[in-house]
Amino acid sequence: MSENAVGLELRPGGQWLPDEWHGSIGGVRASGVDYSGLVLNNFHLWDVRLTECSFERVKAKYFAPGGGGAVSEFARCSFDRATLRGLGGGMVRFVECSFRGARLSGWNVSRSDVVDCDFEGARLRDVMFWAHVDEPATSSTPAESWDNEIRGNDFSGATLMGVEFRTGVDLSLQKLPVGEQYLQVMDVPASLERGREAAETLEGKDRFFADSILKWIATEYARGQRQAFVAKAKRHPDLMWSTMRAAMHDV
């Protein structure tokens, strides 16, 4: 991190967390700023427009890049080798950003655009990408609907674990990883038919997990996700996975 880390405010965690630090950046318009190497408990950003800034090697237990009710935008920024957990919601747009070698977990991309980003060597765990979201009305807020732009992203060299694409993310517009641990389906109705036939040959735990995968893909298809991507989880039996992948994978 440079001495001129524009807009960065740091405060200690207080008497109960004396060794932890919280960071925030709000209302900043800047280019080429070095925020690299920060180690924080919470890192909140809101209403920022940052271009070609470095967040390399940043570690944050909770990263919230789009709070404050305004869209934050990161253009051509580098998050290489960053470790960002529990990525919060909010309105945020990442365009042509690099996440090479990053560790990203717990990211619910429900109000975020992710466009032309590079995830080479990254590890994504429990991340959900949404193309469309309908937020029901509550006693204090009206109903809302919005679309997210998820396209042009290169996940081909990444490791995806528990990563989900929902409500219409076009997988043909992403570069996805290939390998025996991944199941990708472009023609969901035909693949489900083959998968159900294959599941009939399985028993016990293998059948249970096969049915679970079929149900999940069918449910997401009904919600608008026209292609499917599933990564083998540790709990998935090898026989089940090889059987279902052989029947359903169509890429």
Protein backbone atom coordinates (compact mmCIF):
# COMPACT_ATOMS: atom_id res chain seq x y z
CA MET A 1 0.00 0.00 0.00
CA SER A 2 1.30 3.44 -0.86
CA GLU A 3 1.36 6.33 1.59
CA ASN A 4 -1.14 8.07 -0.68
CA ALA A 5 -3.92 5.48 -0.46
CA VAL A 6 -6.64 7.95 -1.43
CA GLY A 7 -9.72 7.95 0.78
CA LEU A 8 -8.70 4.98 2.92
CA GLU A 9 -9.78 5.23 6.53
CA LEU A 10 -8.48 2.73 9.07
CA ARG A 11 -9.63 2.17 12.60
CA PRO A 12 -8.68 -0.47 15.19
CA GLY A 13 -11.06 -3.19 16.27
CA GLY A 14 -11.42 -1.79 19.78
CA GLN A 15 -10.60 -3.18 23.20
CA TRP A 16 -12.05 -6.61 22.42
CA LEU A 17 -10.23 -6.95 19.07
CA PRO A 18 -7.04 -4.93 19.53
CA ASP A 19 -5.14 -6.75 16.79
CA GLU A 20 -7.80 -6.32 14.10
CA TRP A 21 -8.36 -3.39 11.79
CA HIS A 22 -11.37 -2.16 9.85
CA GLY A 23 -11.02 -0.24 6.60
CA SER A 24 -13.35 1.88 4.52
CA ILE A 25 -13.29 3.92 1.33
CA GLY A 26 -16.27 6.09 0.38
CA GLY A 27 -17.11 8.64 -2.30
CA VAL A 28 -13.71 8.35 -3.99
CA ARG A 29 -13.00 8.89 -7.71
CA ALA A 30 -9.43 7.84 -8.38
CA SER A 31 -7.06 6.10 -10.77
CA GLY A 32 -3.84 4.20 -10.20
CA VAL A 33 -4.01 4.10 -6.41
CA ASP A 34 -2.15 1.36 -4.53
CA TYR A 35 -4.23 -0.23 -1.76
CA SER A 36 -2.29 -3.50 -1.89
CA GLY A 37 -1.32 -5.64 1.08
CA LEU A 38 -4.01 -4.51 3.50
CA VAL A 39 -4.96 -7.04 6.21
CA LEU A 40 -8.38 -6.20 7.60
CA ASN A 41 -11.30 -7.69 9.46
CA ASN A 42 -13.91 -5.64 7.59
CA PHE A 43 -13.33 -3.71 4.37
CA HIS A 44 -16.25 -1.55 3.21
CA LEU A 45 -16.35 0.52 0.03
CA TRP A 46 -19.27 2.62 -1.18
CA ASP A 47 -19.98 5.02 -4.01
CA VAL A 48 -16.47 4.65 -5.47
CA ARG A 49 -15.22 4.87 -9.07
CA LEU A 50 -11.77 3.30 -9.12
CA THR A 51 -9.72 2.70 -12.26
CA GLU A 52 -6.48 0.71 -12.53
CA CYS A 53 -6.11 0.54 -8.76
CA SER A 54 -4.31 -2.27 -6.93
CA PHE A 55 -5.93 -4.39 -4.23
CA GLU A 56 -3.34 -7.10 -4.68
CA ARG A 57 -2.71 -9.39 -1.68
CA VAL A 58 -5.46 -7.68 0.33
CA LYS A 59 -6.91 -9.96 3.03
CA ALA A 60 -10.35 -9.23 4.43
CA LYS A 61 -12.57 -11.47 6.52
CA TYR A 62 -15.57 -9.51 5.28
CA PHE A 63 -15.39 -7.55 2.03
CA ALA A 64 -18.32 -5.28 1.10
CA PRO A 65 -17.48 -3.43 -2.13
CA GLY A 66 -20.84 -1.84 -2.97
CA GLY A 67 -22.63 -0.40 0.02
CA GLY A 68 -24.23 2.96 0.65
CA GLY A 69 -27.08 2.71 -1.85
CA ALA A 70 -24.93 3.81 -4.80
CA VAL A 71 -23.16 1.78 -7.48
CA SER A 72 -19.44 1.29 -6.97
CA GLU A 73 -17.36 0.60 -10.06
CA PHE A 74 -13.94 -1.01 -10.39
CA ALA A 75 -12.43 -0.76 -13.87
CA ARG A 76 -9.21 -2.60 -14.76
CA CYS A 77 -8.35 -3.00 -11.07
CA SER A 78 -6.18 -5.82 -9.79
CA PHE A 79 -7.26 -8.12 -6.97
CA ASP A 80 -4.49 -10.60 -7.74
CA ARG A 81 -3.68 -12.97 -4.86
CA ALA A 82 -6.25 -11.27 -2.64
CA THR A 83 -8.15 -13.29 -0.02
CA LEU A 84 -11.67 -11.93 0.25
CA ARG A 85 -14.26 -13.72 2.34
CA GLY A 86 -17.93 -13.14 2.99
CA LEU A 87 -18.21 -10.69 0.13
CA GLY A 88 -21.22 -8.57 0.95
CA GLY A 89 -24.00 -7.46 -1.32
CA GLY A 90 -24.68 -3.96 -2.51
CA MET A 91 -24.46 -2.49 -5.99
CA VAL A 92 -21.08 -3.01 -7.62
CA ARG A 93 -19.63 -3.32 -11.09
CA PHE A 94 -16.32 -5.03 -11.93
CA VAL A 95 -15.09 -4.43 -15.49
CA GLU A 96 -11.87 -5.93 -16.91
CA CYS A 97 -10.57 -6.62 -13.41
CA SER A 98 -7.97 -9.24 -12.58
CA PHE A 99 -8.52 -11.79 -9.81
CA ARG A 100 -5.56 -13.97 -10.76
CA GLY A 101 -4.58 -16.26 -7.88
CA ALA A 102 -7.25 -14.77 -5.61
CA ARG A 103 -9.21 -16.65 -2.96
CA LEU A 104 -12.89 -15.64 -3.02
CA SER A 105 -15.51 -17.21 -0.76
CA GLY A 106 -19.07 -16.57 0.31
CA TRP A 107 -19.80 -14.09 -2.49
CA ASN A 108 -23.47 -13.65 -3.34
CA VAL A 109 -23.34 -11.75 -6.63
CA SER A 110 -26.99 -10.71 -6.46
CA ARG A 111 -26.59 -7.06 -7.40
CA SER A 112 -23.29 -7.03 -9.23
CA ASP A 113 -22.03 -6.79 -12.78
CA VAL A 114 -18.94 -8.88 -13.55
CA VAL A 115 -17.68 -8.22 -17.07
CA ASP A 116 -14.52 -9.38 -18.86
CA CYS A 117 -12.71 -10.32 -15.65
CA ASP A 118 -9.77 -12.74 -15.39
CA PHE A 119 -9.86 -15.45 -12.70
CA GLU A 120 -6.75 -17.40 -13.78
CA GLY A 121 -5.46 -19.46 -10.85
CA ALA A 122 -8.20 -18.20 -8.53
CA ARG A 123 -10.15 -20.39 -6.10
CA LEU A 124 -13.85 -19.57 -5.79
CA ARG A 125 -15.83 -21.28 -3.05
CA ASP A 126 -19.56 -20.88 -2.35
CA VAL A 127 -20.07 -18.09 -4.88
CA MET A 128 -23.42 -17.39 -6.56
CA PHE A 129 -23.77 -15.38 -9.78
CA TRP A 130 -27.30 -14.09 -10.54
CA ALA A 131 -28.45 -12.70 -13.89
CA HIS A 132 -31.83 -11.47 -12.64
CA VAL A 133 -33.22 -10.83 -9.18
CA ASP A 134 -36.77 -10.15 -8.01
CA GLU A 135 -36.88 -8.66 -4.54
CA PRO A 136 -40.33 -8.94 -2.95
CA ALA A 137 -41.92 -6.02 -1.18
CA THR A 138 -41.62 -5.73 2.57
CA SER A 139 -43.45 -3.64 5.13
CA SER A 140 -40.93 -0.83 4.58
CA THR A 141 -39.70 -1.26 0.97
CA PRO A 142 -41.40 -1.71 -2.42
CA ALA A 143 -40.77 -4.69 -4.68
CA GLU A 144 -37.73 -4.40 -6.96
CA SER A 145 -36.35 -6.22 -9.98
CA TRP A 146 -32.99 -5.81 -11.66
CA ASP A 147 -30.66 -7.47 -14.15
CA ASN A 148 -26.97 -8.13 -13.69
CA GLU A 149 -24.42 -8.22 -16.49
CA ILE A 150 -22.33 -11.38 -16.19
CA ARG A 151 -20.33 -11.96 -19.37
CA GLY A 152 -16.89 -12.32 -20.89
CA ASN A 153 -15.31 -13.73 -17.74
CA ASP A 154 -12.43 -16.20 -17.92
CA PHE A 155 -12.80 -18.92 -15.29
CA SER A 156 -10.95 -21.50 -17.41
CA GLY A 157 -7.88 -21.56 -15.16
CA ALA A 158 -9.78 -21.23 -11.90
CA THR A 159 -10.91 -23.81 -9.37
CA LEU A 160 -14.66 -23.57 -8.76
CA MET A 161 -16.16 -25.18 -5.63
CA GLY A 162 -19.81 -24.69 -4.81
CA VAL A 163 -20.09 -22.02 -7.52
CA GLU A 164 -23.59 -21.50 -8.88
CA PHE A 165 -24.89 -19.64 -11.93
CA ARG A 166 -28.54 -18.67 -11.53
CA THR A 167 -31.55 -17.01 -13.18
CA GLY A 168 -30.20 -16.77 -16.69
CA VAL A 169 -26.42 -16.35 -16.61
CA ASP A 170 -25.37 -17.22 -20.17
CA LEU A 171 -22.60 -19.79 -19.77
CA SER A 172 -21.74 -19.56 -23.46
CA LEU A 173 -20.46 -16.04 -22.70
CA GLN A 174 -18.01 -17.29 -20.04
CA LYS A 175 -14.88 -19.42 -20.30
CA LEU A 176 -15.41 -22.22 -17.80
CA PRO A 177 -12.92 -24.78 -16.47
CA VAL A 178 -12.97 -28.26 -17.95
CA GLY A 179 -12.12 -31.59 -16.36
CA GLU A 180 -13.65 -34.70 -14.88
CA GLN A 181 -14.62 -32.77 -11.74
CA TYR A 182 -16.96 -30.48 -13.68
CA LEU A 183 -20.34 -31.16 -15.28
CA GLN A 184 -21.51 -28.64 -17.86
CA VAL A 185 -24.87 -28.82 -19.60
CA MET A 186 -25.97 -26.63 -22.49
CA ASP A 187 -29.17 -28.48 -23.46
CA VAL A 188 -30.84 -28.94 -20.08
CA PRO A 189 -34.07 -30.74 -21.09
CA ALA A 190 -32.23 -33.40 -23.12
CA SER A 191 -29.55 -33.78 -20.47
CA LEU A 192 -32.12 -34.19 -17.70
CA GLU A 193 -33.80 -36.97 -19.65
CA ARG A 194 -30.52 -38.81 -20.04
CA GLY A 195 -29.65 -38.15 -16.40
CA ARG A 196 -32.90 -39.60 -15.11
CA GLU A 197 -32.30 -42.76 -17.10
CA ALA A 198 -28.76 -43.02 -15.70
CA ALA A 199 -30.00 -42.43 -12.15
CA GLU A 200 -32.27 -45.46 -12.44
CA THR A 201 -29.14 -47.64 -12.56
CA LEU A 202 -27.91 -46.35 -9.19
CA GLU A 203 -28.82 -47.36 -5.66
CA GLY A 204 -28.54 -46.08 -2.11
CA LYS A 205 -26.32 -43.05 -1.55
CA ASP A 206 -25.42 -42.89 -5.25
CA ARG A 207 -29.09 -42.61 -6.20
CA PHE A 208 -29.74 -40.00 -3.51
CA PHE A 209 -27.03 -37.67 -4.76
CA ALA A 210 -27.93 -38.27 -8.40
CA ASP A 211 -31.51 -37.27 -7.69
CA SER A 212 -30.31 -34.21 -5.79
CA ILE A 213 -28.28 -33.00 -8.78
CA LEU A 214 -31.18 -33.61 -11.16
CA LYS A 215 -33.58 -31.75 -8.89
CA TRP A 216 -31.23 -28.80 -8.52
CA ILE A 217 -30.65 -28.46 -12.29
CA ALA A 218 -34.38 -28.79 -13.03
CA THR A 219 -35.30 -26.22 -10.39
CA GLU A 220 -32.77 -23.68 -11.64
CA TYR A 221 -33.90 -24.27 -15.24
CA ALA A 222 -37.46 -23.44 -14.21
CA ARG A 223 -36.13 -20.22 -12.65
CA GLY A 224 -34.51 -19.15 -15.90
CA GLN A 225 -31.04 -20.74 -15.83
CA ARG A 226 -30.94 -22.30 -19.30
CA GLN A 227 -27.51 -23.96 -18.93
CA ALA A 228 -26.02 -25.72 -15.95
CA PHE A 229 -22.61 -26.00 -14.34
CA VAL A 230 -21.92 -28.30 -11.40
CA ALA A 231 -18.62 -29.02 -9.65
CA LYS A 232 -18.03 -32.36 -7.91
CA ALA A 233 -18.24 -31.91 -4.16
CA LYS A 234 -16.38 -33.98 -1.60
CA ARG A 235 -19.65 -35.59 -0.54
CA HIS A 236 -20.39 -36.83 -4.07
CA PRO A 237 -19.65 -40.57 -4.47
CA ASP A 238 -17.29 -41.36 -7.34
CA LEU A 239 -19.63 -43.89 -8.97
CA MET A 240 -22.55 -41.47 -8.93
CA TRP A 241 -20.48 -38.66 -10.36
CA SER A 242 -18.89 -40.64 -13.17
CA THR A 243 -22.25 -42.14 -14.12
CA MET A 244 -24.13 -38.86 -14.19
CA ARG A 245 -21.37 -36.93 -15.87
CA ALA A 246 -21.08 -39.53 -18.64
CA ALA A 247 -24.82 -39.26 -19.25
CA MET A 248 -25.31 -35.51 -18.94
CA HIS A 249 -22.15 -33.59 -19.87
CA ASP A 250 -22.67 -32.19 -23.37
CA VAL A 251 -19.83 -29.73 -24.02
